[in-house]
PDB file of N, CA and C in Angstrom:
ATOM      1  N   MET A   1      41.305  34.296  41.693  1.00  0.00           N
ATOM      2  CA  MET A   1      41.289  34.438  43.055  1.00  0.00           C
ATOM      3  C   MET A   1      40.755  35.399  43.520  1.00  0.00           C
ATOM      4  N   THR A   2      40.208  35.409  44.815  1.00  0.00           N
ATOM      5  CA  THR A   2      39.638  36.618  45.354  1.00  0.00           C
ATOM      6  C   THR A   2      40.502  37.584  46.075  1.00  0.00           C
ATOM      7  N   GLN A   3      40.159  38.636  46.622  1.00  0.00           N
ATOM      8  CA  GLN A   3      41.186  39.562  47.531  1.00  0.00           C
ATOM      9  C   GLN A   3      41.289  38.775  48.776  1.00  0.00           C
ATOM     10  N   LEU A   4      40.075  38.174  49.390  1.00  0.00           N
ATOM     11  CA  LEU A   4      40.262  37.423  50.670  1.00  0.00           C
ATOM     12  C   LEU A   4      41.315  36.150  50.542  1.00  0.00           C
ATOM     13  N   GLU A   5      41.361  35.672  49.306  1.00  0.00           N
ATOM     14  CA  GLU A   5      42.241  34.517  49.229  1.00  0.00           C
ATOM     15  C   GLU A   5      43.595  34.927  49.145  1.00  0.00           C
ATOM     16  N   VAL A   6      43.864  36.250  48.387  1.00  0.00           N
ATOM     17  CA  VAL A   6      45.317  36.572  48.476  1.00  0.00           C
ATOM     18  C   VAL A   6      45.774  37.087  49.872  1.00  0.00           C
ATOM     19  N   ILE A   7      44.833  37.673  51.037  1.00  0.00           N
ATOM     20  CA  ILE A   7      45.079  38.083  51.894  1.00  0.00           C
ATOM     21  C   ILE A   7      45.456  36.658  53.052  1.00  0.00           C
ATOM     22  N   ARG A   8      44.669  35.675  52.561  1.00  0.00           N
ATOM     23  CA  ARG A   8      44.786  34.382  53.389  1.00  0.00           C
ATOM     24  C   ARG A   8      46.087  33.777  53.003  1.00  0.00           C
ATOM     25  N   MET A   9      46.679  33.868  51.712  1.00  0.00           N
ATOM     26  CA  MET A   9      47.751  33.447  51.033  1.00  0.00           C
ATOM     27  C   MET A   9      49.059  34.053  51.959  1.00  0.00           C
ATOM     28  N   ILE A  10      48.856  35.594  51.798  1.00  0.00           N
ATOM     29  CA  ILE A  10      49.926  36.443  52.509  1.00  0.00           C
ATOM     30  C   ILE A  10      50.085  36.037  54.156  1.00  0.00           C
ATOM     31  N   GLY A  11      48.798  35.719  54.496  1.00  0.00           N
ATOM     32  CA  GLY A  11      48.668  35.076  56.144  1.00  0.00           C
ATOM     33  C   GLY A  11      49.498  33.945  56.322  1.00  0.00           C
ATOM     34  N   ASP A  12      49.287  33.006  55.307  1.00  0.00           N
ATOM     35  CA  ASP A  12      49.763  31.545  55.138  1.00  0.00           C
ATOM     36  C   ASP A  12      51.465  31.669  55.476  1.00  0.00           C
ATOM     37  N   VAL A  13      52.082  32.853  54.503  1.00  0.00           N
ATOM     38  CA  VAL A  13      53.347  32.911  54.708  1.00  0.00           C
ATOM     39  C   VAL A  13      53.968  33.425  55.727  1.00  0.00           C
ATOM     40  N   LEU A  14      53.169  34.286  56.253  1.00  0.00           N
ATOM     41  CA  LEU A  14      53.406  35.160  57.464  1.00  0.00           C
ATOM     42  C   LEU A  14      53.736  33.878  58.842  1.00  0.00           C
ATOM     43  N   THR A  15      52.722  32.899  58.601  1.00  0.00           N
ATOM     44  CA  THR A  15      52.607  32.038  59.815  1.00  0.00           C
ATOM     45  C   THR A  15      54.053  31.282  59.591  1.00  0.00           C
ATOM     46  N   GLU A  16      54.439  30.840  58.375  1.00  0.00           N
ATOM     47  CA  GLU A  16      55.711  29.812  58.028  1.00  0.00           C
ATOM     48  C   GLU A  16      56.923  30.784  58.442  1.00  0.00           C
ATOM     49  N   ILE A  17      56.778  32.264  58.201  1.00  0.00           N
ATOM     50  CA  ILE A  17      57.804  32.910  58.926  1.00  0.00           C
ATOM     51  C   ILE A  17      58.011  33.014  60.440  1.00  0.00           C
ATOM     52  N   ASP A  18      56.684  33.199  61.004  1.00  0.00           N
ATOM     53  CA  ASP A  18      56.829  32.646  62.692  1.00  0.00           C
ATOM     54  C   ASP A  18      57.235  31.740  62.904  1.00  0.00           C
ATOM     55  N   VAL A  19      57.305  30.346  62.270  1.00  0.00           N
ATOM     56  CA  VAL A  19      57.540  29.263  62.578  1.00  0.00           C
ATOM     57  C   VAL A  19      59.020  29.209  62.518  1.00  0.00           C
ATOM     58  N   ALA A  20      59.783  29.578  61.571  1.00  0.00           N
ATOM     59  CA  ALA A  20      61.021  29.711  60.972  1.00  0.00           C
ATOM     60  C   ALA A  20      61.411  30.473  62.271  1.00  0.00           C
ATOM     61  N   VAL A  21      61.209  31.784  62.469  1.00  0.00           N
ATOM     62  CA  VAL A  21      61.605  32.712  63.704  1.00  0.00           C
ATOM     63  C   VAL A  21      61.572  31.954  64.795  1.00  0.00           C
ATOM     64  N   GLY A  22      60.869  31.193  65.227  1.00  0.00           N
ATOM     65  CA  GLY A  22      60.680  30.535  66.363  1.00  0.00           C
ATOM     66  C   GLY A  22      61.635  29.418  66.596  1.00  0.00           C
ATOM     67  N   SER A  23      62.090  28.913  65.437  1.00  0.00           N
ATOM     68  CA  SER A  23      63.157  27.980  65.403  1.00  0.00           C
ATOM     69  C   SER A  23      64.664  28.321  65.490  1.00  0.00           C
ATOM     70  N   LEU A  24      64.675  29.751  65.432  1.00  0.00           N
ATOM     71  CA  LEU A  24      66.127  29.937  65.281  1.00  0.00           C
ATOM     72  C   LEU A  24      66.629  30.653  66.762  1.00  0.00           C
ATOM     73  N   MET A  25      67.940  30.836  66.919  1.00  0.00           N
ATOM     74  CA  MET A  25      68.316  31.187  68.423  1.00  0.00           C
ATOM     75  C   MET A  25      68.397  32.672  68.475  1.00  0.00           C
ATOM     76  N   PRO A  26      67.784  32.990  69.844  1.00  0.00           N
ATOM     77  CA  PRO A  26      67.812  34.475  69.962  1.00  0.00           C
ATOM     78  C   PRO A  26      69.119  35.230  69.883  1.00  0.00           C
ATOM     79  N   GLY A  27      69.150  36.328  69.102  1.00  0.00           N
ATOM     80  CA  GLY A  27      70.266  36.791  68.561  1.00  0.00           C
ATOM     81  C   GLY A  27      70.663  36.716  67.324  1.00  0.00           C
ATOM     82  N   ASP A  28      70.213  35.663  66.689  1.00  0.00           N
ATOM     83  CA  ASP A  28      70.675  35.123  65.473  1.00  0.00           C
ATOM     84  C   ASP A  28      70.371  36.339  64.187  1.00  0.00           C
ATOM     85  N   PRO A  29      71.275  36.780  63.653  1.00  0.00           N
ATOM     86  CA  PRO A  29      71.264  37.846  62.662  1.00  0.00           C
ATOM     87  C   PRO A  29      69.981  37.751  61.552  1.00  0.00           C
ATOM     88  N   ASP A  30      70.012  36.088  61.406  1.00  0.00           N
ATOM     89  CA  ASP A  30      68.701  35.605  60.211  1.00  0.00           C
ATOM     90  C   ASP A  30      67.563  35.996  60.919  1.00  0.00           C
ATOM     91  N   MET A  31      67.442  35.674  62.237  1.00  0.00           N
ATOM     92  CA  MET A  31      66.111  35.894  63.104  1.00  0.00           C
ATOM     93  C   MET A  31      65.468  37.240  62.902  1.00  0.00           C
ATOM     94  N   THR A  32      66.726  38.347  63.299  1.00  0.00           N
ATOM     95  CA  THR A  32      66.389  40.036  62.677  1.00  0.00           C
ATOM     96  C   THR A  32      66.016  40.092  61.438  1.00  0.00           C
ATOM     97  N   ARG A  33      66.575  39.489  60.299  1.00  0.00           N
ATOM     98  CA  ARG A  33      66.076  39.824  59.038  1.00  0.00           C
ATOM     99  C   ARG A  33      64.971  39.339  58.794  1.00  0.00           C
ATOM    100  N   LEU A  34      64.554  38.118  59.178  1.00  0.00           N
ATOM    101  CA  LEU A  34      63.368  37.374  58.841  1.00  0.00           C
ATOM    102  C   LEU A  34      62.016  38.357  59.408  1.00  0.00           C
ATOM    103  N   GLN A  35      62.547  38.567  60.700  1.00  0.00           N
ATOM    104  CA  GLN A  35      61.478  39.587  61.469  1.00  0.00           C
ATOM    105  C   GLN A  35      61.331  40.906  60.578  1.00  0.00           C
ATOM    106  N   ASP A  36      62.338  41.608  60.111  1.00  0.00           N
ATOM    107  CA  ASP A  36      62.220  42.802  59.487  1.00  0.00           C
ATOM    108  C   ASP A  36      61.433  42.694  58.240  1.00  0.00           C
ATOM    109  N   LEU A  37      61.679  41.366  57.514  1.00  0.00           N
ATOM    110  CA  LEU A  37      60.926  41.103  56.320  1.00  0.00           C
ATOM    111  C   LEU A  37      59.648  40.805  56.634  1.00  0.00           C
ATOM    112  N   ARG A  38      59.261  39.927  57.779  1.00  0.00           N
ATOM    113  CA  ARG A  38      57.829  39.992  58.034  1.00  0.00           C
ATOM    114  C   ARG A  38      57.263  41.286  58.481  1.00  0.00           C
ATOM    115  N   GLN A  39      57.612  41.927  59.010  1.00  0.00           N
ATOM    116  CA  GLN A  39      56.831  43.520  59.465  1.00  0.00           C
ATOM    117  C   GLN A  39      56.444  44.114  57.792  1.00  0.00           C
ATOM    118  N   VAL A  40      57.275  44.000  57.046  1.00  0.00           N
ATOM    119  CA  VAL A  40      57.063  44.646  55.665  1.00  0.00           C
ATOM    120  C   VAL A  40      55.770  43.753  55.207  1.00  0.00           C
ATOM    121  N   LEU A  41      55.953  42.547  55.069  1.00  0.00           N
ATOM    122  CA  LEU A  41      55.005  41.861  54.685  1.00  0.00           C
ATOM    123  C   LEU A  41      53.731  41.737  55.212  1.00  0.00           C
ATOM    124  N   ASP A  42      53.671  42.053  56.594  1.00  0.00           N
ATOM    125  CA  ASP A  42      52.203  42.181  57.329  1.00  0.00           C
ATOM    126  C   ASP A  42      51.787  43.549  56.705  1.00  0.00           C
ATOM    127  N   ALA A  43      52.606  44.783  57.008  1.00  0.00           N
ATOM    128  CA  ALA A  43      51.919  45.714  56.558  1.00  0.00           C
ATOM    129  C   ALA A  43      51.141  45.968  55.018  1.00  0.00           C
ATOM    130  N   ARG A  44      51.981  44.991  54.394  1.00  0.00           N
ATOM    131  CA  ARG A  44      51.405  44.952  52.789  1.00  0.00           C
ATOM    132  C   ARG A  44      50.123  44.271  52.785  1.00  0.00           C
ATOM    133  N   GLN A  45      50.010  43.173  53.749  1.00  0.00           N
ATOM    134  CA  GLN A  45      48.815  42.558  53.846  1.00  0.00           C
ATOM    135  C   GLN A  45      47.550  43.507  54.567  1.00  0.00           C
ATOM    136  N   LEU A  46      48.318  44.236  55.507  1.00  0.00           N
ATOM    137  CA  LEU A  46      46.971  45.222  56.021  1.00  0.00           C
ATOM    138  C   LEU A  46      46.732  45.980  54.920  1.00  0.00           C
ATOM    139  N   MET A  47      47.525  46.600  54.239  1.00  0.00           N
ATOM    140  CA  MET A  47      47.240  47.496  53.408  1.00  0.00           C
ATOM    141  C   MET A  47      46.209  47.136  52.415  1.00  0.00           C
ATOM    142  N   LEU A  48      46.252  45.846  52.002  1.00  0.00           N
ATOM    143  CA  LEU A  48      45.377  45.044  51.022  1.00  0.00           C
ATOM    144  C   LEU A  48      43.813  44.645  51.841  1.00  0.00           C
ATOM    145  N   SER A  49      43.833  44.606  53.056  1.00  0.00           N
ATOM    146  CA  SER A  49      42.749  44.394  53.597  1.00  0.00           C
ATOM    147  C   SER A  49      41.911  45.550  53.781  1.00  0.00           C
ATOM    148  N   ARG A  50      42.696  46.637  54.086  1.00  0.00           N
ATOM    149  CA  ARG A  50      41.933  47.779  54.485  1.00  0.00           C
ATOM    150  C   ARG A  50      41.203  48.704  52.912  1.00  0.00           C
ATOM    151  N   GLN A  51      41.629  48.120  51.578  1.00  0.00           N
ATOM    152  CA  GLN A  51      40.991  48.644  50.591  1.00  0.00           C
ATOM    153  C   GLN A  51      40.066  47.730  49.751  1.00  0.00           C
ATOM    154  N   VAL A  52      39.427  48.092  48.943  1.00  0.00           N
ATOM    155  CA  VAL A  52      38.363  47.346  48.063  1.00  0.00           C
ATOM    156  C   VAL A  52      39.021  47.505  46.517  1.00  0.00           C
ATOM    157  N   PHE A  53      39.077  46.340  45.926  1.00  0.00           N
ATOM    158  CA  PHE A  53      39.301  46.302  44.629  1.00  0.00           C
ATOM    159  C   PHE A  53      38.469  45.470  43.866  1.00  0.00           C
ATOM    160  N   ASP A  54      38.450  45.886  42.553  1.00  0.00           N
ATOM    161  CA  ASP A  54      37.650  45.120  41.917  1.00  0.00           C
ATOM    162  C   ASP A  54      38.429  43.793  41.229  1.00  0.00           C
ATOM    163  N   GLU A  55      37.790  42.467  41.911  1.00  0.00           N
ATOM    164  CA  GLU A  55      38.446  41.547  41.601  1.00  0.00           C
ATOM    165  C   GLU A  55      38.318  40.966  40.209  1.00  0.00           C
ATOM    166  N   ASN A  56      37.296  41.390  39.665  1.00  0.00           N
ATOM    167  CA  ASN A  56      36.856  41.139  38.093  1.00  0.00           C
ATOM    168  C   ASN A  56      37.726  41.404  36.989  1.00  0.00           C
ATOM    169  N   THR A  57      38.934  42.518  37.370  1.00  0.00           N
ATOM    170  CA  THR A  57      39.520  43.066  36.220  1.00  0.00           C
ATOM    171  C   THR A  57      40.540  42.248  35.780  1.00  0.00           C
ATOM    172  N   ALA A  58      40.964  42.217  34.720  1.00  0.00           N
ATOM    173  CA  ALA A  58      42.062  41.487  34.332  1.00  0.00           C
ATOM    174  C   ALA A  58      43.394  41.496  34.857  1.00  0.00           C
ATOM    175  N   GLY A  59      43.800  42.961  35.196  1.00  0.00           N
ATOM    176  CA  GLY A  59      44.821  43.309  36.001  1.00  0.00           C
ATOM    177  C   GLY A  59      45.053  42.644  37.166  1.00  0.00           C
ATOM    178  N   PHE A  60      43.759  42.393  38.201  1.00  0.00           N
ATOM    179  CA  PHE A  60      43.857  41.883  39.416  1.00  0.00           C
ATOM    180  C   PHE A  60      43.607  40.512  39.065  1.00  0.00           C
ATOM    181  N   ARG A  61      43.375  39.909  38.342  1.00  0.00           N
ATOM    182  CA  ARG A  61      43.327  38.363  37.972  1.00  0.00           C
ATOM    183  C   ARG A  61      44.807  38.010  37.723  1.00  0.00           C
ATOM    184  N   ASP A  62      45.352  38.857  36.846  1.00  0.00           N
ATOM    185  CA  ASP A  62      46.708  38.544  36.206  1.00  0.00           C
ATOM    186  C   ASP A  62      47.570  38.708  37.711  1.00  0.00           C
ATOM    187  N   ALA A  63      47.528  39.639  38.190  1.00  0.00           N
ATOM    188  CA  ALA A  63      48.704  39.909  39.163  1.00  0.00           C
ATOM    189  C   ALA A  63      48.472  38.778  40.086  1.00  0.00           C
ATOM    190  N   ALA A  64      47.160  38.343  40.422  1.00  0.00           N
ATOM    191  CA  ALA A  64      47.043  37.283  41.616  1.00  0.00           C
ATOM    192  C   ALA A  64      47.320  35.894  40.965  1.00  0.00           C
ATOM    193  N   GLU A  65      47.347  35.751  39.645  1.00  0.00           N
ATOM    194  CA  GLU A  65      47.915  34.425  39.403  1.00  0.00           C
ATOM    195  C   GLU A  65      49.554  34.583  39.536  1.00  0.00           C
ATOM    196  N   GLN A  66      50.266  35.772  39.217  1.00  0.00           N
ATOM    197  CA  GLN A  66      51.622  35.785  39.478  1.00  0.00           C
ATOM    198  C   GLN A  66      51.863  35.482  40.764  1.00  0.00           C
ATOM    199  N   LEU A  67      51.251  36.114  41.573  1.00  0.00           N
ATOM    200  CA  LEU A  67      51.461  36.049  42.886  1.00  0.00           C
ATOM    201  C   LEU A  67      51.333  34.696  43.602  1.00  0.00           C
ATOM    202  N   GLN A  68      50.268  33.841  43.006  1.00  0.00           N
ATOM    203  CA  GLN A  68      50.255  32.409  43.363  1.00  0.00           C
ATOM    204  C   GLN A  68      51.236  31.702  42.865  1.00  0.00           C
ATOM    205  N   ALA A  69      51.800  32.057  41.582  1.00  0.00           N
ATOM    206  CA  ALA A  69      52.684  31.067  41.105  1.00  0.00           C
ATOM    207  C   ALA A  69      54.081  31.232  41.875  1.00  0.00           C
ATOM    208  N   VAL A  70      54.533  32.652  42.424  1.00  0.00           N
ATOM    209  CA  VAL A  70      55.528  32.483  43.444  1.00  0.00           C
ATOM    210  C   VAL A  70      55.277  31.599  44.637  1.00  0.00           C
ATOM    211  N   ASN A  71      53.941  31.719  45.152  1.00  0.00           N
ATOM    212  CA  ASN A  71      53.763  31.022  46.611  1.00  0.00           C
ATOM    213  C   ASN A  71      53.977  29.789  46.234  1.00  0.00           C
ATOM    214  N   VAL A  72      53.242  29.086  45.132  1.00  0.00           N
ATOM    215  CA  VAL A  72      53.516  27.619  44.750  1.00  0.00           C
ATOM    216  C   VAL A  72      55.037  27.275  44.992  1.00  0.00           C
ATOM    217  N   GLU A  73      55.798  27.987  44.301  1.00  0.00           N
ATOM    218  CA  GLU A  73      57.250  27.778  44.040  1.00  0.00           C
ATOM    219  C   GLU A  73      57.944  27.640  45.488  1.00  0.00           C
ATOM    220  N   ILE A  74      57.474  28.566  46.190  1.00  0.00           N
ATOM    221  CA  ILE A  74      58.059  28.807  47.544  1.00  0.00           C
ATOM    222  C   ILE A  74      57.614  27.829  48.865  1.00  0.00           C
ATOM    223  N   ARG A  75      56.344  27.391  48.855  1.00  0.00           N
ATOM    224  CA  ARG A  75      55.563  26.782  49.682  1.00  0.00           C
ATOM    225  C   ARG A  75      56.483  25.800  50.432  1.00  0.00           C
ATOM    226  N   GLY A  76      56.401  25.830  51.754  1.00  0.00           N
ATOM    227  CA  GLY A  76      57.345  24.747  52.510  1.00  0.00           C
ATOM    228  C   GLY A  76      58.349  25.126  52.642  1.00  0.00           C
ATOM    229  N   THR A  77      58.921  25.951  51.893  1.00  0.00           N
ATOM    230  CA  THR A  77      60.467  26.170  52.100  1.00  0.00           C
ATOM    231  C   THR A  77      61.190  27.212  53.044  1.00  0.00           C
ATOM    232  N   ILE A  78      59.983  28.022  53.425  1.00  0.00           N
ATOM    233  CA  ILE A  78      60.606  29.071  54.381  1.00  0.00           C
ATOM    234  C   ILE A  78      60.960  28.303  55.847  1.00  0.00           C
ATOM    235  N   ARG A  79      60.120  27.217  56.214  1.00  0.00           N
ATOM    236  CA  ARG A  79      60.454  26.786  57.301  1.00  0.00           C
ATOM    237  C   ARG A  79      61.774  25.627  57.445  1.00  0.00           C
ATOM    238  N   ARG A  80      62.529  25.451  56.408  1.00  0.00           N
ATOM    239  CA  ARG A  80      63.545  24.895  56.377  1.00  0.00           C
ATOM    240  C   ARG A  80      64.807  25.734  56.787  1.00  0.00           C
ATOM    241  N   ILE A  81      65.144  25.841  58.151  1.00  0.00           N
ATOM    242  CA  ILE A  81      66.329  26.701  58.664  1.00  0.00           C
ATOM    243  C   ILE A  81      67.500  26.339  58.249  1.00  0.00           C
ATOM    244  N   ASP A  82      67.577  25.144  57.847  1.00  0.00           N
ATOM    245  CA  ASP A  82      69.161  24.506  57.849  1.00  0.00           C
ATOM    246  C   ASP A  82      69.862  25.245  56.609  1.00  0.00           C
ATOM    247  N   ASP A  83      69.195  25.958  55.842  1.00  0.00           N
ATOM    248  CA  ASP A  83      69.456  26.832  54.615  1.00  0.00           C
ATOM    249  C   ASP A  83      68.772  28.314  54.698  1.00  0.00           C
ATOM    250  N   MET A  84      69.353  28.825  55.495  1.00  0.00           N
ATOM    251  CA  MET A  84      68.699  30.366  55.644  1.00  0.00           C
ATOM    252  C   MET A  84      69.090  31.363  54.553  1.00  0.00           C
ATOM    253  N   ILE A  85      69.790  31.055  53.997  1.00  0.00           N
ATOM    254  CA  ILE A  85      70.068  31.647  52.772  1.00  0.00           C
ATOM    255  C   ILE A  85      68.830  31.742  51.838  1.00  0.00           C
ATOM    256  N   ALA A  86      68.653  30.436  51.440  1.00  0.00           N
ATOM    257  CA  ALA A  86      67.277  29.986  50.292  1.00  0.00           C
ATOM    258  C   ALA A  86      66.084  30.602  51.167  1.00  0.00           C
ATOM    259  N   VAL A  87      65.990  30.434  52.707  1.00  0.00           N
ATOM    260  CA  VAL A  87      65.108  30.796  53.394  1.00  0.00           C
ATOM    261  C   VAL A  87      64.614  32.545  53.278  1.00  0.00           C
ATOM    262  N   ILE A  88      65.477  33.208  53.181  1.00  0.00           N
ATOM    263  CA  ILE A  88      65.613  34.723  53.509  1.00  0.00           C
ATOM    264  C   ILE A  88      65.340  35.123  51.858  1.00  0.00           C
ATOM    265  N   HIS A  89      65.935  34.370  50.776  1.00  0.00           N
ATOM    266  CA  HIS A  89      65.712  34.750  49.434  1.00  0.00           C
ATOM    267  C   HIS A  89      64.172  34.552  49.027  1.00  0.00           C
ATOM    268  N   ASN A  90      63.557  33.088  49.427  1.00  0.00           N
ATOM    269  CA  ASN A  90      62.375  32.837  49.218  1.00  0.00           C
ATOM    270  C   ASN A  90      61.353  33.977  49.926  1.00  0.00           C
ATOM    271  N   VAL A  91      61.649  34.393  50.867  1.00  0.00           N
ATOM    272  CA  VAL A  91      60.437  35.343  51.668  1.00  0.00           C
ATOM    273  C   VAL A  91      60.778  36.556  50.698  1.00  0.00           C
ATOM    274  N   GLU A  92      62.049  37.179  50.532  1.00  0.00           N
ATOM    275  CA  GLU A  92      62.106  38.350  49.546  1.00  0.00           C
ATOM    276  C   GLU A  92      61.509  38.225  48.509  1.00  0.00           C
ATOM    277  N   ARG A  93      61.510  36.969  47.602  1.00  0.00           N
ATOM    278  CA  ARG A  93      60.863  36.591  46.534  1.00  0.00           C
ATOM    279  C   ARG A  93      59.414  37.000  46.653  1.00  0.00           C
ATOM    280  N   PHE A  94      58.843  36.528  47.596  1.00  0.00           N
ATOM    281  CA  PHE A  94      57.281  36.640  47.843  1.00  0.00           C
ATOM    282  C   PHE A  94      56.909  37.983  48.358  1.00  0.00           C
ATOM    283  N   LEU A  95      57.946  38.694  49.118  1.00  0.00           N
ATOM    284  CA  LEU A  95      57.485  40.101  49.598  1.00  0.00           C
ATOM    285  C   LEU A  95      57.441  40.920  47.863  1.00  0.00           C
ATOM    286  N   ASP A  96      58.506  40.500  47.292  1.00  0.00           N
ATOM    287  CA  ASP A  96      58.485  41.469  46.094  1.00  0.00           C
ATOM    288  C   ASP A  96      57.143  40.959  45.022  1.00  0.00           C
ATOM    289  N   ALA A  97      57.067  39.915  45.105  1.00  0.00           N
ATOM    290  CA  ALA A  97      55.681  39.502  44.468  1.00  0.00           C
ATOM    291  C   ALA A  97      54.323  40.334  44.765  1.00  0.00           C
ATOM    292  N   VAL A  98      54.709  40.262  46.410  1.00  0.00           N
ATOM    293  CA  VAL A  98      53.372  40.950  47.019  1.00  0.00           C
ATOM    294  C   VAL A  98      53.186  42.520  46.516  1.00  0.00           C
ATOM    295  N   THR A  99      54.505  43.053  46.700  1.00  0.00           N
ATOM    296  CA  THR A  99      54.523  44.309  46.334  1.00  0.00           C
ATOM    297  C   THR A  99      54.185  44.532  45.090  1.00  0.00           C
ATOM    298  N   SER A 100      54.595  43.819  43.991  1.00  0.00           N
ATOM    299  CA  SER A 100      54.145  44.051  42.756  1.00  0.00           C
ATOM    300  C   SER A 100      52.684  43.800  42.440  1.00  0.00           C
ATOM    301  N   PHE A 101      52.071  42.887  43.029  1.00  0.00           N
ATOM    302  CA  PHE A 101      50.770  42.540  43.161  1.00  0.00           C
ATOM    303  C   PHE A 101      49.870  43.938  43.307  1.00  0.00           C
ATOM    304  N   LEU A 102      50.496  44.369  44.630  1.00  0.00           N
ATOM    305  CA  LEU A 102      49.869  45.785  45.320  1.00  0.00           C
ATOM    306  C   LEU A 102      50.001  47.113  43.980  1.00  0.00           C
ATOM    307  N   SER A 103      51.117  47.107  43.541  1.00  0.00           N
ATOM    308  CA  SER A 103      51.419  48.165  42.530  1.00  0.00           C
ATOM    309  C   SER A 103      50.696  47.777  41.354  1.00  0.00           C
ATOM    310  N   THR A 104      50.336  46.608  40.894  1.00  0.00           N
ATOM    311  CA  THR A 104      49.593  46.441  39.833  1.00  0.00           C
ATOM    312  C   THR A 104      47.967  46.788  40.011  1.00  0.00           C
ATOM    313  N   ILE A 105      47.396  46.559  41.180  1.00  0.00           N
ATOM    314  CA  ILE A 105      46.387  47.036  41.482  1.00  0.00           C
ATOM    315  C   ILE A 105      45.965  48.352  42.092  1.00  0.00           C
ATOM    316  N   ARG A 106      47.119  49.080  41.997  1.00  0.00           N
ATOM    317  CA  ARG A 106      47.126  50.645  42.336  1.00  0.00           C
ATOM    318  C   ARG A 106      46.788  50.767  43.938  1.00  0.00           C
ATOM    319  N   ALA A 107      47.207  49.678  44.784  1.00  0.00           N
ATOM    320  CA  ALA A 107      46.979  49.709  46.088  1.00  0.00           C
ATOM    321  C   ALA A 107      47.924  50.861  46.962  1.00  0.00           C
ATOM    322  N   PHE A 108      48.637  51.664  46.342  1.00  0.00           N
ATOM    323  CA  PHE A 108      49.837  52.352  46.728  1.00  0.00           C
ATOM    324  C   PHE A 108      49.322  53.819  46.759  1.00  0.00           C
ATOM    325  N   GLY A 109      48.100  53.969  45.839  1.00  0.00           N
ATOM    326  CA  GLY A 109      47.593  55.179  46.041  1.00  0.00           C
ATOM    327  C   GLY A 109      47.689  55.725  44.846  1.00  0.00           C
TER     328      GLY A 109
END
């Protein structure tokens, strides 16, 4: 997996979050929580897009595979607003996986 593919994967999750947020009523506390999580995820994506990494290292490949595994597990579940506890949990899991990915590839400096 390349850096661009990771950036796109994060973008796909951001889009799923946007769809979920758009399906909620204004003022819904879950909407606020999702928007907060989205902002953090968006910042992580931006951080990744502004740096250059060696995609050929074992650390990058392993971290990308772990992130992809979480992505596969949660794919499509974020739009299921009938179970907001699960939606928020899955977004948090993905955000944690992105943060772990960035830590592994030393994106935080």
